[in-house]
Amino acid sequence: MDYALQHMGAEIEENAKPGRRRSKWVLLLLLPYLGLCFPIVYARSAPALWGFPFFYWYQFAWVILASLLLAIVYRKLKT
């Protein structure tokens, strides 16, 4: 029985995946969340951009920025 336990432990260690490396690039993904988390900061109409109140174009700008940040983080983690 002792022999089986020794080999089972070695087999588990061989199949264990190496620990994931944490990257600080992922922290960039918090920016869109924090930028949109407090609507009291951007819930206003001035300044308007092309006739759109600040509330709308600020959120739309974050859609574009979040896409860019996702692309940056993806490329950095891919390598």
N, C-alpha and C. Protein backbone atom coordinates (compact mmCIF):
# COMPACT_ATOMS: atom_id res chain seq x y z
N MET A 1 0.83 -1.19 0.00
CA MET A 1 0.00 0.00 0.00
C MET A 1 0.87 1.25 0.00
N ASP A 2 1.96 1.18 0.68
CA ASP A 2 2.86 2.31 0.76
C ASP A 2 3.37 2.70 -0.63
N TYR A 3 3.65 1.69 -1.45
CA TYR A 3 4.14 1.91 -2.81
C TYR A 3 3.12 2.68 -3.65
N ALA A 4 1.85 2.32 -3.53
CA ALA A 4 0.79 2.98 -4.31
C ALA A 4 0.65 4.44 -3.91
N LEU A 5 0.72 4.74 -2.63
CA LEU A 5 0.58 6.12 -2.17
C LEU A 5 1.75 6.98 -2.65
N GLN A 6 2.93 6.42 -2.68
CA GLN A 6 4.10 7.18 -3.14
C GLN A 6 3.97 7.53 -4.62
N HIS A 7 3.54 6.58 -5.42
CA HIS A 7 3.42 6.83 -6.86
C HIS A 7 2.23 7.71 -7.19
N MET A 8 1.18 7.62 -6.42
CA MET A 8 0.01 8.47 -6.65
C MET A 8 0.37 9.93 -6.37
N GLY A 9 1.15 10.17 -5.33
CA GLY A 9 1.58 11.54 -5.02
C GLY A 9 2.47 12.11 -6.11
N ALA A 10 3.35 11.29 -6.66
CA ALA A 10 4.24 11.74 -7.73
C ALA A 10 3.43 12.06 -8.99
N GLU A 11 2.41 11.25 -9.24
CA GLU A 11 1.58 11.47 -10.42
C GLU A 11 0.79 12.77 -10.30
N ILE A 12 0.32 13.06 -9.12
CA ILE A 12 -0.42 14.31 -8.90
C ILE A 12 0.51 15.50 -9.11
N GLU A 13 1.72 15.41 -8.63
CA GLU A 13 2.67 16.52 -8.79
C GLU A 13 3.03 16.73 -10.26
N GLU A 14 3.12 15.65 -11.03
CA GLU A 14 3.46 15.77 -12.45
C GLU A 14 2.32 16.45 -13.22
N ASN A 15 1.09 16.18 -12.84
CA ASN A 15 -0.07 16.74 -13.53
C ASN A 15 -0.43 18.14 -13.06
N ALA A 16 0.17 18.60 -12.00
CA ALA A 16 -0.16 19.92 -11.47
C ALA A 16 0.30 20.99 -12.45
N LYS A 17 -0.58 21.94 -12.69
CA LYS A 17 -0.23 23.03 -13.59
C LYS A 17 0.61 24.06 -12.84
N PRO A 18 1.53 24.70 -13.54
CA PRO A 18 2.30 25.74 -12.86
C PRO A 18 1.39 26.91 -12.49
N GLY A 19 1.74 27.61 -11.43
CA GLY A 19 0.92 28.73 -10.97
C GLY A 19 0.82 29.82 -12.02
N ARG A 20 -0.34 30.45 -12.09
CA ARG A 20 -0.52 31.53 -13.07
C ARG A 20 0.25 32.75 -12.61
N ARG A 21 0.83 33.41 -13.57
CA ARG A 21 1.58 34.61 -13.30
C ARG A 21 0.61 35.78 -13.30
N ARG A 22 0.57 36.52 -12.24
CA ARG A 22 -0.30 37.69 -12.15
C ARG A 22 0.38 38.85 -12.87
N SER A 23 -0.40 39.55 -13.67
CA SER A 23 0.14 40.66 -14.42
C SER A 23 -0.52 41.95 -13.98
N LYS A 24 0.26 42.98 -13.92
CA LYS A 24 -0.27 44.29 -13.53
C LYS A 24 -1.02 44.95 -14.67
N TRP A 25 -0.91 44.42 -15.87
CA TRP A 25 -1.63 44.97 -17.01
C TRP A 25 -3.14 44.82 -16.82
N VAL A 26 -3.54 43.80 -16.11
CA VAL A 26 -4.97 43.55 -15.89
C VAL A 26 -5.60 44.69 -15.08
N LEU A 27 -4.80 45.37 -14.29
CA LEU A 27 -5.32 46.48 -13.50
C LEU A 27 -5.85 47.61 -14.38
N LEU A 28 -5.40 47.69 -15.61
CA LEU A 28 -5.93 48.71 -16.54
C LEU A 28 -7.42 48.51 -16.78
N LEU A 29 -7.89 47.30 -16.62
CA LEU A 29 -9.30 47.01 -16.86
C LEU A 29 -10.20 47.58 -15.76
N LEU A 30 -9.62 48.05 -14.70
CA LEU A 30 -10.39 48.71 -13.64
C LEU A 30 -10.77 50.14 -14.01
N LEU A 31 -10.03 50.73 -14.91
CA LEU A 31 -10.29 52.13 -15.28
C LEU A 31 -11.71 52.38 -15.81
N PRO A 32 -12.21 51.58 -16.75
CA PRO A 32 -13.59 51.82 -17.21
C PRO A 32 -14.61 51.65 -16.09
N TYR A 33 -14.38 50.68 -15.24
CA TYR A 33 -15.29 50.47 -14.13
C TYR A 33 -15.31 51.68 -13.20
N LEU A 34 -14.13 52.16 -12.84
CA LEU A 34 -14.06 53.31 -11.95
C LEU A 34 -14.58 54.58 -12.62
N GLY A 35 -14.33 54.70 -13.91
CA GLY A 35 -14.79 55.89 -14.63
C GLY A 35 -16.29 55.98 -14.75
N LEU A 36 -16.97 54.85 -14.69
CA LEU A 36 -18.43 54.83 -14.84
C LEU A 36 -19.16 54.45 -13.55
N CYS A 37 -18.42 54.18 -12.51
CA CYS A 37 -19.00 53.69 -11.26
C CYS A 37 -19.77 54.78 -10.50
N PHE A 38 -19.42 56.02 -10.68
CA PHE A 38 -20.02 57.11 -9.92
C PHE A 38 -20.72 58.09 -10.85
N PRO A 39 -21.96 57.81 -11.22
CA PRO A 39 -22.66 58.68 -12.18
C PRO A 39 -22.90 60.10 -11.67
N ILE A 40 -22.83 60.30 -10.38
CA ILE A 40 -23.02 61.64 -9.86
C ILE A 40 -21.94 62.60 -10.38
N VAL A 41 -20.80 62.04 -10.75
CA VAL A 41 -19.69 62.86 -11.27
C VAL A 41 -19.98 63.34 -12.69
N TYR A 42 -20.60 62.50 -13.51
CA TYR A 42 -20.79 62.86 -14.92
C TYR A 42 -22.25 63.04 -15.31
N ALA A 43 -23.16 63.05 -14.37
CA ALA A 43 -24.59 63.22 -14.68
C ALA A 43 -24.91 64.71 -14.80
N ARG A 44 -24.50 65.28 -15.91
CA ARG A 44 -24.76 66.71 -16.18
C ARG A 44 -24.86 66.90 -17.68
N SER A 45 -25.33 68.04 -18.06
CA SER A 45 -25.53 68.27 -19.49
C SER A 45 -24.40 69.07 -20.13
N ALA A 46 -23.67 69.83 -19.35
CA ALA A 46 -22.59 70.65 -19.92
C ALA A 46 -21.26 69.98 -19.61
N PRO A 47 -20.31 70.01 -20.46
CA PRO A 47 -20.28 70.58 -21.80
C PRO A 47 -20.87 69.64 -22.83
N ALA A 48 -21.56 70.19 -23.77
CA ALA A 48 -22.16 69.40 -24.85
C ALA A 48 -21.13 69.23 -25.98
N LEU A 49 -21.20 68.12 -26.65
CA LEU A 49 -20.32 67.83 -27.77
C LEU A 49 -21.19 67.43 -28.95
N TRP A 50 -21.20 68.25 -29.99
CA TRP A 50 -22.03 68.05 -31.19
C TRP A 50 -23.52 67.91 -30.82
N GLY A 51 -23.92 68.63 -29.84
CA GLY A 51 -25.31 68.61 -29.42
C GLY A 51 -25.67 67.53 -28.42
N PHE A 52 -24.73 66.65 -28.09
CA PHE A 52 -24.98 65.59 -27.12
C PHE A 52 -24.55 66.06 -25.73
N PRO A 53 -25.40 65.87 -24.73
CA PRO A 53 -25.01 66.24 -23.37
C PRO A 53 -23.81 65.42 -22.89
N PHE A 54 -23.11 65.98 -21.92
CA PHE A 54 -21.91 65.34 -21.38
C PHE A 54 -22.19 63.92 -20.91
N PHE A 55 -23.34 63.70 -20.29
CA PHE A 55 -23.70 62.38 -19.76
C PHE A 55 -23.59 61.30 -20.83
N TYR A 56 -24.03 61.59 -22.05
CA TYR A 56 -24.04 60.58 -23.11
C TYR A 56 -22.67 60.40 -23.77
N TRP A 57 -22.02 61.52 -24.10
CA TRP A 57 -20.76 61.33 -24.80
C TRP A 57 -19.65 60.85 -23.88
N TYR A 58 -19.75 61.13 -22.58
CA TYR A 58 -18.78 60.59 -21.62
C TYR A 58 -18.86 59.07 -21.58
N GLN A 59 -20.06 58.53 -21.52
CA GLN A 59 -20.23 57.07 -21.50
C GLN A 59 -19.79 56.44 -22.81
N PHE A 60 -20.11 57.09 -23.92
CA PHE A 60 -19.69 56.55 -25.21
C PHE A 60 -18.17 56.58 -25.35
N ALA A 61 -17.54 57.60 -24.82
CA ALA A 61 -16.07 57.67 -24.85
C ALA A 61 -15.47 56.50 -24.06
N TRP A 62 -16.11 56.12 -22.97
CA TRP A 62 -15.62 54.99 -22.20
C TRP A 62 -15.77 53.67 -22.95
N VAL A 63 -16.77 53.56 -23.80
CA VAL A 63 -16.92 52.35 -24.62
C VAL A 63 -15.70 52.20 -25.53
N ILE A 64 -15.31 53.28 -26.15
CA ILE A 64 -14.15 53.26 -27.04
C ILE A 64 -12.87 53.03 -26.25
N LEU A 65 -12.71 53.74 -25.13
CA LEU A 65 -11.51 53.57 -24.31
C LEU A 65 -11.41 52.16 -23.72
N ALA A 66 -12.53 51.60 -23.30
CA ALA A 66 -12.51 50.24 -22.76
C ALA A 66 -12.08 49.24 -23.83
N SER A 67 -12.53 49.45 -25.06
CA SER A 67 -12.11 48.57 -26.15
C SER A 67 -10.61 48.66 -26.40
N LEU A 68 -10.09 49.87 -26.37
CA LEU A 68 -8.65 50.05 -26.54
C LEU A 68 -7.86 49.43 -25.39
N LEU A 69 -8.35 49.60 -24.17
CA LEU A 69 -7.67 49.01 -23.02
C LEU A 69 -7.70 47.49 -23.09
N LEU A 70 -8.82 46.92 -23.50
CA LEU A 70 -8.89 45.47 -23.65
C LEU A 70 -7.90 44.97 -24.69
N ALA A 71 -7.76 45.70 -25.79
CA ALA A 71 -6.80 45.31 -26.83
C ALA A 71 -5.37 45.38 -26.30
N ILE A 72 -5.06 46.42 -25.56
CA ILE A 72 -3.71 46.57 -24.99
C ILE A 72 -3.41 45.44 -24.02
N VAL A 73 -4.33 45.17 -23.12
CA VAL A 73 -4.11 44.12 -22.13
C VAL A 73 -4.01 42.76 -22.81
N TYR A 74 -4.84 42.51 -23.80
CA TYR A 74 -4.78 41.24 -24.52
C TYR A 74 -3.41 41.05 -25.18
N ARG A 75 -2.92 42.07 -25.83
CA ARG A 75 -1.63 41.95 -26.51
C ARG A 75 -0.48 41.77 -25.53
N LYS A 76 -0.56 42.46 -24.40
CA LYS A 76 0.52 42.32 -23.41
C LYS A 76 0.50 40.95 -22.75
N LEU A 77 -0.68 40.40 -22.50
CA LEU A 77 -0.75 39.08 -21.86
C LEU A 77 -0.51 37.95 -22.84
N LYS A 78 -0.72 38.21 -24.11
CA LYS A 78 -0.52 37.19 -25.14
C LYS A 78 0.96 36.86 -25.28
N THR A 79 1.81 37.83 -25.09
CA THR A 79 3.26 37.60 -25.25
C THR A 79 3.91 37.10 -24.00
